Amino acid sequence: MKSIDISPSDYDRHGRLRLPFLFWCVLALQARTWILFVMAGASRGQGDALLTLFYPDHNQFWLGLLPGLPAALAFFLSARREHHPRLWRAIHPLMLLVQLALVLWQPSRWLSGEAISGIGLSLLIIDLFVLWWLATSRRLRACFYSSDE
């Protein structure tokens, strides 16, 4: 296994390896239904139309909230990861599992009769990239499994 190049600027003031920017993007992607829920609530009259655009079957919306729970946990633990190292290390495989479920979920919706859309195809492509990145990023792995944390 190749080592990763880490410089002193890659550490925060507490001596922890900084989480990559893409990690925060992944959290937002995995919590996308929660973000959509907040946006729909803030838009008042157009909220139902917004939810229907992304989730024509409202039952799918409620299932879509589940992947955001581990993302929220990762967000809250990220600042205190040295205090909960075992739980922090468990977040990485959990995020991989959630991302795999998201990759499989979109095609399952199409197989159950939902029309294939540009939004759905885009989300599938992004989900596949994120799954690949979560599985292969040595920098991210070092943030979760670093021996000094």
N, C-alpha and C. Protein backbone atom coordinates (compact mmCIF):
# COMPACT_ATOMS: atom_id res chain seq x y z
N MET A 1 0.84 -1.18 0.00
CA MET A 1 0.00 0.00 0.00
C MET A 1 0.89 1.24 0.00
N LYS A 2 0.57 2.16 -0.87
CA LYS A 2 1.34 3.40 -0.95
C LYS A 2 1.02 4.30 0.23
N SER A 3 2.02 5.05 0.64
CA SER A 3 1.77 6.02 1.71
C SER A 3 1.24 7.30 1.08
N ILE A 4 0.56 8.08 1.89
CA ILE A 4 0.03 9.35 1.40
C ILE A 4 0.96 10.46 1.83
N ASP A 5 1.03 11.47 1.02
CA ASP A 5 1.86 12.63 1.34
C ASP A 5 1.06 13.56 2.25
N ILE A 6 1.57 13.71 3.46
CA ILE A 6 0.90 14.58 4.43
C ILE A 6 1.91 15.62 4.90
N SER A 7 1.49 16.87 4.86
CA SER A 7 2.36 17.95 5.33
C SER A 7 1.81 18.49 6.65
N PRO A 8 2.61 19.28 7.36
CA PRO A 8 2.12 19.86 8.62
C PRO A 8 0.86 20.71 8.45
N SER A 9 0.67 21.30 7.28
CA SER A 9 -0.53 22.12 7.07
C SER A 9 -1.79 21.27 6.93
N ASP A 10 -1.64 19.94 6.82
CA ASP A 10 -2.79 19.06 6.72
C ASP A 10 -3.41 18.76 8.08
N TYR A 11 -2.82 19.29 9.13
CA TYR A 11 -3.32 19.07 10.48
C TYR A 11 -3.96 20.34 11.02
N ASP A 12 -4.99 20.17 11.84
CA ASP A 12 -5.63 21.34 12.44
C ASP A 12 -4.88 21.74 13.71
N ARG A 13 -5.37 22.74 14.40
CA ARG A 13 -4.67 23.25 15.58
C ARG A 13 -4.69 22.28 16.75
N HIS A 14 -5.53 21.25 16.67
CA HIS A 14 -5.60 20.24 17.72
C HIS A 14 -4.74 19.02 17.38
N GLY A 15 -4.06 19.07 16.25
CA GLY A 15 -3.20 17.97 15.85
C GLY A 15 -3.91 16.84 15.12
N ARG A 16 -5.15 17.07 14.71
CA ARG A 16 -5.92 16.06 13.97
C ARG A 16 -5.75 16.30 12.48
N LEU A 17 -5.71 15.23 11.74
CA LEU A 17 -5.66 15.33 10.28
C LEU A 17 -6.97 15.94 9.79
N ARG A 18 -6.85 16.97 8.98
CA ARG A 18 -8.05 17.65 8.47
C ARG A 18 -8.82 16.72 7.54
N LEU A 19 -10.12 16.77 7.68
CA LEU A 19 -10.97 15.98 6.78
C LEU A 19 -10.99 16.63 5.41
N PRO A 20 -10.93 15.83 4.35
CA PRO A 20 -10.94 16.40 3.00
C PRO A 20 -12.25 17.14 2.70
N PHE A 21 -12.17 18.11 1.83
CA PHE A 21 -13.35 18.88 1.44
C PHE A 21 -14.45 17.96 0.89
N LEU A 22 -14.06 16.95 0.12
CA LEU A 22 -15.04 16.04 -0.45
C LEU A 22 -15.82 15.28 0.63
N PHE A 23 -15.23 15.09 1.79
CA PHE A 23 -15.94 14.44 2.89
C PHE A 23 -17.20 15.23 3.24
N TRP A 24 -17.09 16.54 3.31
CA TRP A 24 -18.23 17.38 3.65
C TRP A 24 -19.27 17.34 2.52
N CYS A 25 -18.81 17.25 1.29
CA CYS A 25 -19.73 17.12 0.16
C CYS A 25 -20.47 15.79 0.22
N VAL A 26 -19.77 14.73 0.61
CA VAL A 26 -20.40 13.42 0.75
C VAL A 26 -21.47 13.46 1.84
N LEU A 27 -21.18 14.12 2.94
CA LEU A 27 -22.19 14.24 4.00
C LEU A 27 -23.44 14.94 3.48
N ALA A 28 -23.25 16.00 2.71
CA ALA A 28 -24.40 16.71 2.14
C ALA A 28 -25.15 15.82 1.15
N LEU A 29 -24.42 15.04 0.37
CA LEU A 29 -25.06 14.16 -0.60
C LEU A 29 -25.85 13.06 0.11
N GLN A 30 -25.28 12.49 1.15
CA GLN A 30 -26.00 11.43 1.86
C GLN A 30 -27.19 11.98 2.64
N ALA A 31 -27.14 13.24 3.00
CA ALA A 31 -28.25 13.88 3.71
C ALA A 31 -29.12 14.70 2.76
N ARG A 32 -29.06 14.39 1.49
CA ARG A 32 -29.76 15.22 0.49
C ARG A 32 -31.27 15.28 0.72
N THR A 33 -31.88 14.21 1.20
CA THR A 33 -33.31 14.25 1.44
C THR A 33 -33.64 15.18 2.60
N TRP A 34 -32.77 15.22 3.60
CA TRP A 34 -32.96 16.16 4.71
C TRP A 34 -32.83 17.59 4.22
N ILE A 35 -31.87 17.84 3.35
CA ILE A 35 -31.68 19.18 2.78
C ILE A 35 -32.91 19.58 1.97
N LEU A 36 -33.40 18.63 1.16
CA LEU A 36 -34.61 18.87 0.37
C LEU A 36 -35.81 19.14 1.28
N PHE A 37 -35.89 18.41 2.38
CA PHE A 37 -36.97 18.59 3.35
C PHE A 37 -36.94 20.00 3.94
N VAL A 38 -35.77 20.47 4.30
CA VAL A 38 -35.63 21.82 4.85
C VAL A 38 -35.97 22.86 3.80
N MET A 39 -35.49 22.65 2.57
CA MET A 39 -35.80 23.59 1.49
C MET A 39 -37.30 23.63 1.21
N ALA A 40 -37.95 22.47 1.22
CA ALA A 40 -39.39 22.42 0.97
C ALA A 40 -40.15 23.12 2.09
N GLY A 41 -39.70 22.96 3.31
CA GLY A 41 -40.34 23.65 4.43
C GLY A 41 -40.16 25.14 4.37
N ALA A 42 -39.02 25.58 3.88
CA ALA A 42 -38.74 27.01 3.81
C ALA A 42 -39.46 27.68 2.65
N SER A 43 -39.83 26.89 1.62
CA SER A 43 -40.45 27.50 0.44
C SER A 43 -41.96 27.58 0.53
N ARG A 44 -42.51 27.21 1.65
CA ARG A 44 -43.94 27.32 1.95
C ARG A 44 -44.82 26.72 0.87
N GLY A 45 -45.41 27.52 0.03
CA GLY A 45 -46.40 27.07 -0.94
C GLY A 45 -45.87 26.13 -2.00
N GLN A 46 -44.59 26.20 -2.31
CA GLN A 46 -44.03 25.36 -3.36
C GLN A 46 -43.33 24.12 -2.82
N GLY A 47 -43.41 23.89 -1.54
CA GLY A 47 -42.72 22.77 -0.92
C GLY A 47 -43.19 21.43 -1.43
N ASP A 48 -44.50 21.26 -1.58
CA ASP A 48 -45.03 19.98 -2.07
C ASP A 48 -44.60 19.72 -3.51
N ALA A 49 -44.59 20.77 -4.32
CA ALA A 49 -44.14 20.61 -5.71
C ALA A 49 -42.66 20.23 -5.77
N LEU A 50 -41.87 20.80 -4.90
CA LEU A 50 -40.45 20.48 -4.85
C LEU A 50 -40.23 19.02 -4.43
N LEU A 51 -40.95 18.58 -3.41
CA LEU A 51 -40.83 17.19 -2.97
C LEU A 51 -41.30 16.22 -4.06
N THR A 52 -42.38 16.57 -4.75
CA THR A 52 -42.91 15.71 -5.81
C THR A 52 -41.95 15.63 -6.99
N LEU A 53 -41.21 16.68 -7.25
CA LEU A 53 -40.23 16.65 -8.34
C LEU A 53 -39.18 15.57 -8.10
N PHE A 54 -38.67 15.47 -6.87
CA PHE A 54 -37.63 14.51 -6.56
C PHE A 54 -38.18 13.17 -6.06
N TYR A 55 -39.32 13.19 -5.42
CA TYR A 55 -39.93 11.98 -4.87
C TYR A 55 -41.41 11.93 -5.25
N PRO A 56 -41.72 11.46 -6.48
CA PRO A 56 -43.14 11.37 -6.88
C PRO A 56 -43.94 10.47 -5.93
N ASP A 57 -43.31 9.41 -5.41
CA ASP A 57 -43.93 8.55 -4.41
C ASP A 57 -43.46 9.03 -3.04
N HIS A 58 -44.35 9.61 -2.26
CA HIS A 58 -43.96 10.21 -0.98
C HIS A 58 -43.45 9.17 0.02
N ASN A 59 -43.79 7.90 -0.17
CA ASN A 59 -43.25 6.86 0.71
C ASN A 59 -41.74 6.74 0.51
N GLN A 60 -41.28 6.95 -0.72
CA GLN A 60 -39.85 6.92 -1.01
C GLN A 60 -39.13 8.07 -0.31
N PHE A 61 -39.83 9.17 -0.15
CA PHE A 61 -39.24 10.30 0.56
C PHE A 61 -38.88 9.92 1.99
N TRP A 62 -39.79 9.25 2.68
CA TRP A 62 -39.53 8.87 4.07
C TRP A 62 -38.37 7.90 4.16
N LEU A 63 -38.25 6.99 3.20
CA LEU A 63 -37.09 6.09 3.16
C LEU A 63 -35.81 6.87 2.86
N GLY A 64 -35.93 7.92 2.08
CA GLY A 64 -34.78 8.74 1.73
C GLY A 64 -34.17 9.48 2.90
N LEU A 65 -34.92 9.64 3.97
CA LEU A 65 -34.39 10.30 5.16
C LEU A 65 -33.38 9.43 5.91
N LEU A 66 -33.47 8.12 5.77
CA LEU A 66 -32.60 7.20 6.51
C LEU A 66 -31.10 7.38 6.23
N PRO A 67 -30.66 7.53 4.97
CA PRO A 67 -29.22 7.69 4.74
C PRO A 67 -28.63 8.95 5.36
N GLY A 68 -29.44 9.91 5.67
CA GLY A 68 -28.95 11.14 6.27
C GLY A 68 -28.59 11.01 7.74
N LEU A 69 -29.09 9.98 8.39
CA LEU A 69 -28.82 9.81 9.82
C LEU A 69 -27.34 9.53 10.11
N PRO A 70 -26.69 8.58 9.41
CA PRO A 70 -25.25 8.40 9.63
C PRO A 70 -24.44 9.64 9.23
N ALA A 71 -24.88 10.35 8.21
CA ALA A 71 -24.19 11.57 7.80
C ALA A 71 -24.25 12.62 8.92
N ALA A 72 -25.41 12.73 9.55
CA ALA A 72 -25.54 13.68 10.67
C ALA A 72 -24.65 13.25 11.83
N LEU A 73 -24.59 11.97 12.11
CA LEU A 73 -23.72 11.46 13.17
C LEU A 73 -22.26 11.78 12.86
N ALA A 74 -21.86 11.56 11.62
CA ALA A 74 -20.48 11.87 11.22
C ALA A 74 -20.19 13.35 11.36
N PHE A 75 -21.15 14.18 11.00
CA PHE A 75 -20.97 15.62 11.12
C PHE A 75 -20.74 16.02 12.58
N PHE A 76 -21.56 15.51 13.47
CA PHE A 76 -21.44 15.89 14.88
C PHE A 76 -20.21 15.28 15.54
N LEU A 77 -19.82 14.08 15.14
CA LEU A 77 -18.65 13.45 15.73
C LEU A 77 -17.33 13.99 15.19
N SER A 78 -17.35 14.59 14.03
CA SER A 78 -16.10 15.02 13.40
C SER A 78 -15.30 15.98 14.27
N ALA A 79 -15.97 16.83 15.01
CA ALA A 79 -15.27 17.80 15.85
C ALA A 79 -14.74 17.18 17.13
N ARG A 80 -15.31 16.05 17.54
CA ARG A 80 -14.91 15.41 18.80
C ARG A 80 -14.47 13.97 18.57
N ARG A 81 -13.89 13.72 17.42
CA ARG A 81 -13.55 12.34 17.07
C ARG A 81 -12.51 11.72 17.98
N GLU A 82 -11.66 12.52 18.59
CA GLU A 82 -10.66 11.95 19.49
C GLU A 82 -11.28 11.47 20.80
N HIS A 83 -12.48 11.94 21.12
CA HIS A 83 -13.16 11.53 22.35
C HIS A 83 -13.95 10.23 22.17
N HIS A 84 -14.25 9.89 20.94
CA HIS A 84 -15.03 8.68 20.63
C HIS A 84 -14.36 7.92 19.48
N PRO A 85 -13.12 7.45 19.66
CA PRO A 85 -12.38 6.87 18.53
C PRO A 85 -13.02 5.62 17.95
N ARG A 86 -13.59 4.76 18.77
CA ARG A 86 -14.20 3.53 18.24
C ARG A 86 -15.44 3.86 17.42
N LEU A 87 -16.25 4.77 17.92
CA LEU A 87 -17.44 5.18 17.17
C LEU A 87 -17.04 5.91 15.89
N TRP A 88 -16.02 6.75 15.97
CA TRP A 88 -15.54 7.48 14.79
C TRP A 88 -15.06 6.51 13.72
N ARG A 89 -14.30 5.48 14.12
CA ARG A 89 -13.81 4.50 13.13
C ARG A 89 -14.96 3.72 12.51
N ALA A 90 -16.04 3.53 13.24
CA ALA A 90 -17.19 2.79 12.71
C ALA A 90 -17.97 3.60 11.68
N ILE A 91 -17.78 4.90 11.67
CA ILE A 91 -18.51 5.76 10.73
C ILE A 91 -18.10 5.47 9.28
N HIS A 92 -16.81 5.23 9.04
CA HIS A 92 -16.35 5.01 7.65
C HIS A 92 -17.04 3.82 6.99
N PRO A 93 -17.03 2.62 7.59
CA PRO A 93 -17.74 1.52 6.93
C PRO A 93 -19.25 1.76 6.85
N LEU A 94 -19.80 2.48 7.83
CA LEU A 94 -21.22 2.80 7.79
C LEU A 94 -21.53 3.72 6.60
N MET A 95 -20.67 4.69 6.37
CA MET A 95 -20.86 5.59 5.22
C MET A 95 -20.74 4.82 3.91
N LEU A 96 -19.81 3.86 3.85
CA LEU A 96 -19.68 3.02 2.65
C LEU A 96 -20.95 2.21 2.42
N LEU A 97 -21.49 1.64 3.48
CA LEU A 97 -22.71 0.85 3.37
C LEU A 97 -23.89 1.71 2.92
N VAL A 98 -24.01 2.88 3.51
CA VAL A 98 -25.08 3.80 3.12
C VAL A 98 -24.93 4.20 1.65
N GLN A 99 -23.71 4.46 1.23
CA GLN A 99 -23.50 4.87 -0.16
C GLN A 99 -23.83 3.73 -1.12
N LEU A 100 -23.47 2.51 -0.76
CA LEU A 100 -23.84 1.36 -1.59
C LEU A 100 -25.35 1.24 -1.68
N ALA A 101 -26.04 1.44 -0.58
CA ALA A 101 -27.51 1.40 -0.60
C ALA A 101 -28.07 2.49 -1.50
N LEU A 102 -27.48 3.68 -1.48
CA LEU A 102 -27.95 4.76 -2.36
C LEU A 102 -27.72 4.41 -3.83
N VAL A 103 -26.59 3.77 -4.13
CA VAL A 103 -26.30 3.37 -5.51
C VAL A 103 -27.33 2.34 -5.99
N LEU A 104 -27.70 1.42 -5.13
CA LEU A 104 -28.65 0.38 -5.50
C LEU A 104 -30.10 0.87 -5.48
N TRP A 105 -30.36 1.90 -4.69
CA TRP A 105 -31.73 2.37 -4.52
C TRP A 105 -32.30 2.99 -5.79
N GLN A 106 -31.51 3.80 -6.48
CA GLN A 106 -32.02 4.48 -7.67
C GLN A 106 -32.46 3.48 -8.75
N PRO A 107 -31.63 2.51 -9.12
CA PRO A 107 -32.11 1.53 -10.11
C PRO A 107 -33.31 0.72 -9.62
N SER A 108 -33.38 0.46 -8.32
CA SER A 108 -34.55 -0.28 -7.81
C SER A 108 -35.83 0.52 -7.98
N ARG A 109 -35.72 1.84 -7.86
CA ARG A 109 -36.89 2.69 -8.09
C ARG A 109 -37.34 2.60 -9.55
N TRP A 110 -36.36 2.56 -10.46
CA TRP A 110 -36.70 2.45 -11.87
C TRP A 110 -37.32 1.10 -12.19
N LEU A 111 -36.81 0.05 -11.57
CA LEU A 111 -37.34 -1.28 -11.80
C LEU A 111 -38.75 -1.44 -11.24
N SER A 112 -39.09 -0.63 -10.25
CA SER A 112 -40.44 -0.71 -9.69
C SER A 112 -41.44 0.16 -10.44
N GLY A 113 -41.02 0.75 -11.54
CA GLY A 113 -41.95 1.48 -12.40
C GLY A 113 -41.77 2.97 -12.50
N GLU A 114 -40.87 3.56 -11.69
CA GLU A 114 -40.65 5.00 -11.78
C GLU A 114 -39.90 5.32 -13.08
N ALA A 115 -40.28 6.40 -13.69
CA ALA A 115 -39.65 6.79 -14.95
C ALA A 115 -38.19 7.21 -14.72
N ILE A 116 -37.34 6.86 -15.67
CA ILE A 116 -35.94 7.27 -15.61
C ILE A 116 -35.87 8.75 -15.97
N SER A 117 -35.20 9.51 -15.12
CA SER A 117 -35.10 10.95 -15.35
C SER A 117 -33.64 11.38 -15.38
N GLY A 118 -33.42 12.57 -15.86
CA GLY A 118 -32.07 13.13 -15.87
C GLY A 118 -31.54 13.32 -14.46
N ILE A 119 -32.41 13.73 -13.55
CA ILE A 119 -32.01 13.91 -12.15
C ILE A 119 -31.59 12.57 -11.56
N GLY A 120 -32.39 11.53 -11.82
CA GLY A 120 -32.07 10.21 -11.30
C GLY A 120 -30.76 9.66 -11.85
N LEU A 121 -30.55 9.84 -13.16
CA LEU A 121 -29.29 9.40 -13.78
C LEU A 121 -28.10 10.17 -13.21
N SER A 122 -28.28 11.46 -13.03
CA SER A 122 -27.20 12.28 -12.47
C SER A 122 -26.86 11.84 -11.05
N LEU A 123 -27.88 11.59 -10.25
CA LEU A 123 -27.65 11.14 -8.88
C LEU A 123 -26.95 9.79 -8.85
N LEU A 124 -27.33 8.90 -9.76
CA LEU A 124 -26.68 7.59 -9.82
C LEU A 124 -25.20 7.73 -10.15
N ILE A 125 -24.88 8.57 -11.10
CA ILE A 125 -23.47 8.77 -11.49
C ILE A 125 -22.68 9.38 -10.33
N ILE A 126 -23.26 10.38 -9.68
CA ILE A 126 -22.60 11.01 -8.54
C ILE A 126 -22.44 10.00 -7.40
N ASP A 127 -23.49 9.21 -7.14
CA ASP A 127 -23.42 8.19 -6.09
C ASP A 127 -22.33 7.16 -6.38
N LEU A 128 -22.19 6.76 -7.63
CA LEU A 128 -21.13 5.81 -7.99
C LEU A 128 -19.75 6.42 -7.75
N PHE A 129 -19.58 7.68 -8.13
CA PHE A 129 -18.29 8.35 -7.88
C PHE A 129 -18.00 8.42 -6.39
N VAL A 130 -18.99 8.78 -5.60
CA VAL A 130 -18.80 8.91 -4.16
C VAL A 130 -18.46 7.55 -3.54
N LEU A 131 -19.13 6.51 -3.98
CA LEU A 131 -18.82 5.17 -3.47
C LEU A 131 -17.37 4.81 -3.78
N TRP A 132 -16.94 5.09 -5.00
CA TRP A 132 -15.54 4.83 -5.38
C TRP A 132 -14.58 5.65 -4.50
N TRP A 133 -14.89 6.93 -4.30
CA TRP A 133 -14.01 7.79 -3.51
C TRP A 133 -13.94 7.33 -2.06
N LEU A 134 -15.09 7.01 -1.47
CA LEU A 134 -15.09 6.54 -0.08
C LEU A 134 -14.27 5.27 0.09
N ALA A 135 -14.32 4.41 -0.92
CA ALA A 135 -13.62 3.12 -0.84
C ALA A 135 -12.12 3.24 -1.11
N THR A 136 -11.71 4.26 -1.87
CA THR A 136 -10.31 4.31 -2.31
C THR A 136 -9.48 5.46 -1.76
N SER A 137 -10.09 6.43 -1.13
CA SER A 137 -9.33 7.59 -0.66
C SER A 137 -8.46 7.24 0.55
N ARG A 138 -7.16 7.23 0.33
CA ARG A 138 -6.23 6.94 1.43
C ARG A 138 -6.22 8.08 2.45
N ARG A 139 -6.39 9.28 1.99
CA ARG A 139 -6.42 10.43 2.89
C ARG A 139 -7.62 10.34 3.84
N LEU A 140 -8.77 10.01 3.29
CA LEU A 140 -9.96 9.87 4.13
C LEU A 140 -9.79 8.72 5.10
N ARG A 141 -9.27 7.61 4.63
CA ARG A 141 -9.04 6.46 5.51
C ARG A 141 -8.10 6.83 6.66
N ALA A 142 -7.09 7.61 6.36
CA ALA A 142 -6.16 8.04 7.41
C ALA A 142 -6.85 8.92 8.45
N CYS A 143 -7.84 9.68 8.02
CA CYS A 143 -8.60 10.51 8.98
C CYS A 143 -9.42 9.65 9.93
N PHE A 144 -9.87 8.50 9.47
CA PHE A 144 -10.68 7.62 10.32
C PHE A 144 -9.84 6.65 11.14
N TYR A 145 -8.76 6.17 10.56
CA TYR A 145 -8.02 5.09 11.20
C TYR A 145 -6.62 5.50 11.66
N SER A 146 -6.37 6.77 11.78
CA SER A 146 -5.06 7.25 12.23
C SER A 146 -4.79 6.74 13.63
N SER A 147 -3.58 6.27 13.86
CA SER A 147 -3.23 5.69 15.15
C SER A 147 -3.14 6.73 16.27
N ASP A 148 -2.96 8.00 15.90
CA ASP A 148 -2.83 9.01 16.95
C ASP A 148 -4.18 9.53 17.42
N GLU A 149 -5.28 9.07 16.84
CA GLU A 149 -6.59 9.53 17.28
C GLU A 149 -7.26 8.47 18.08
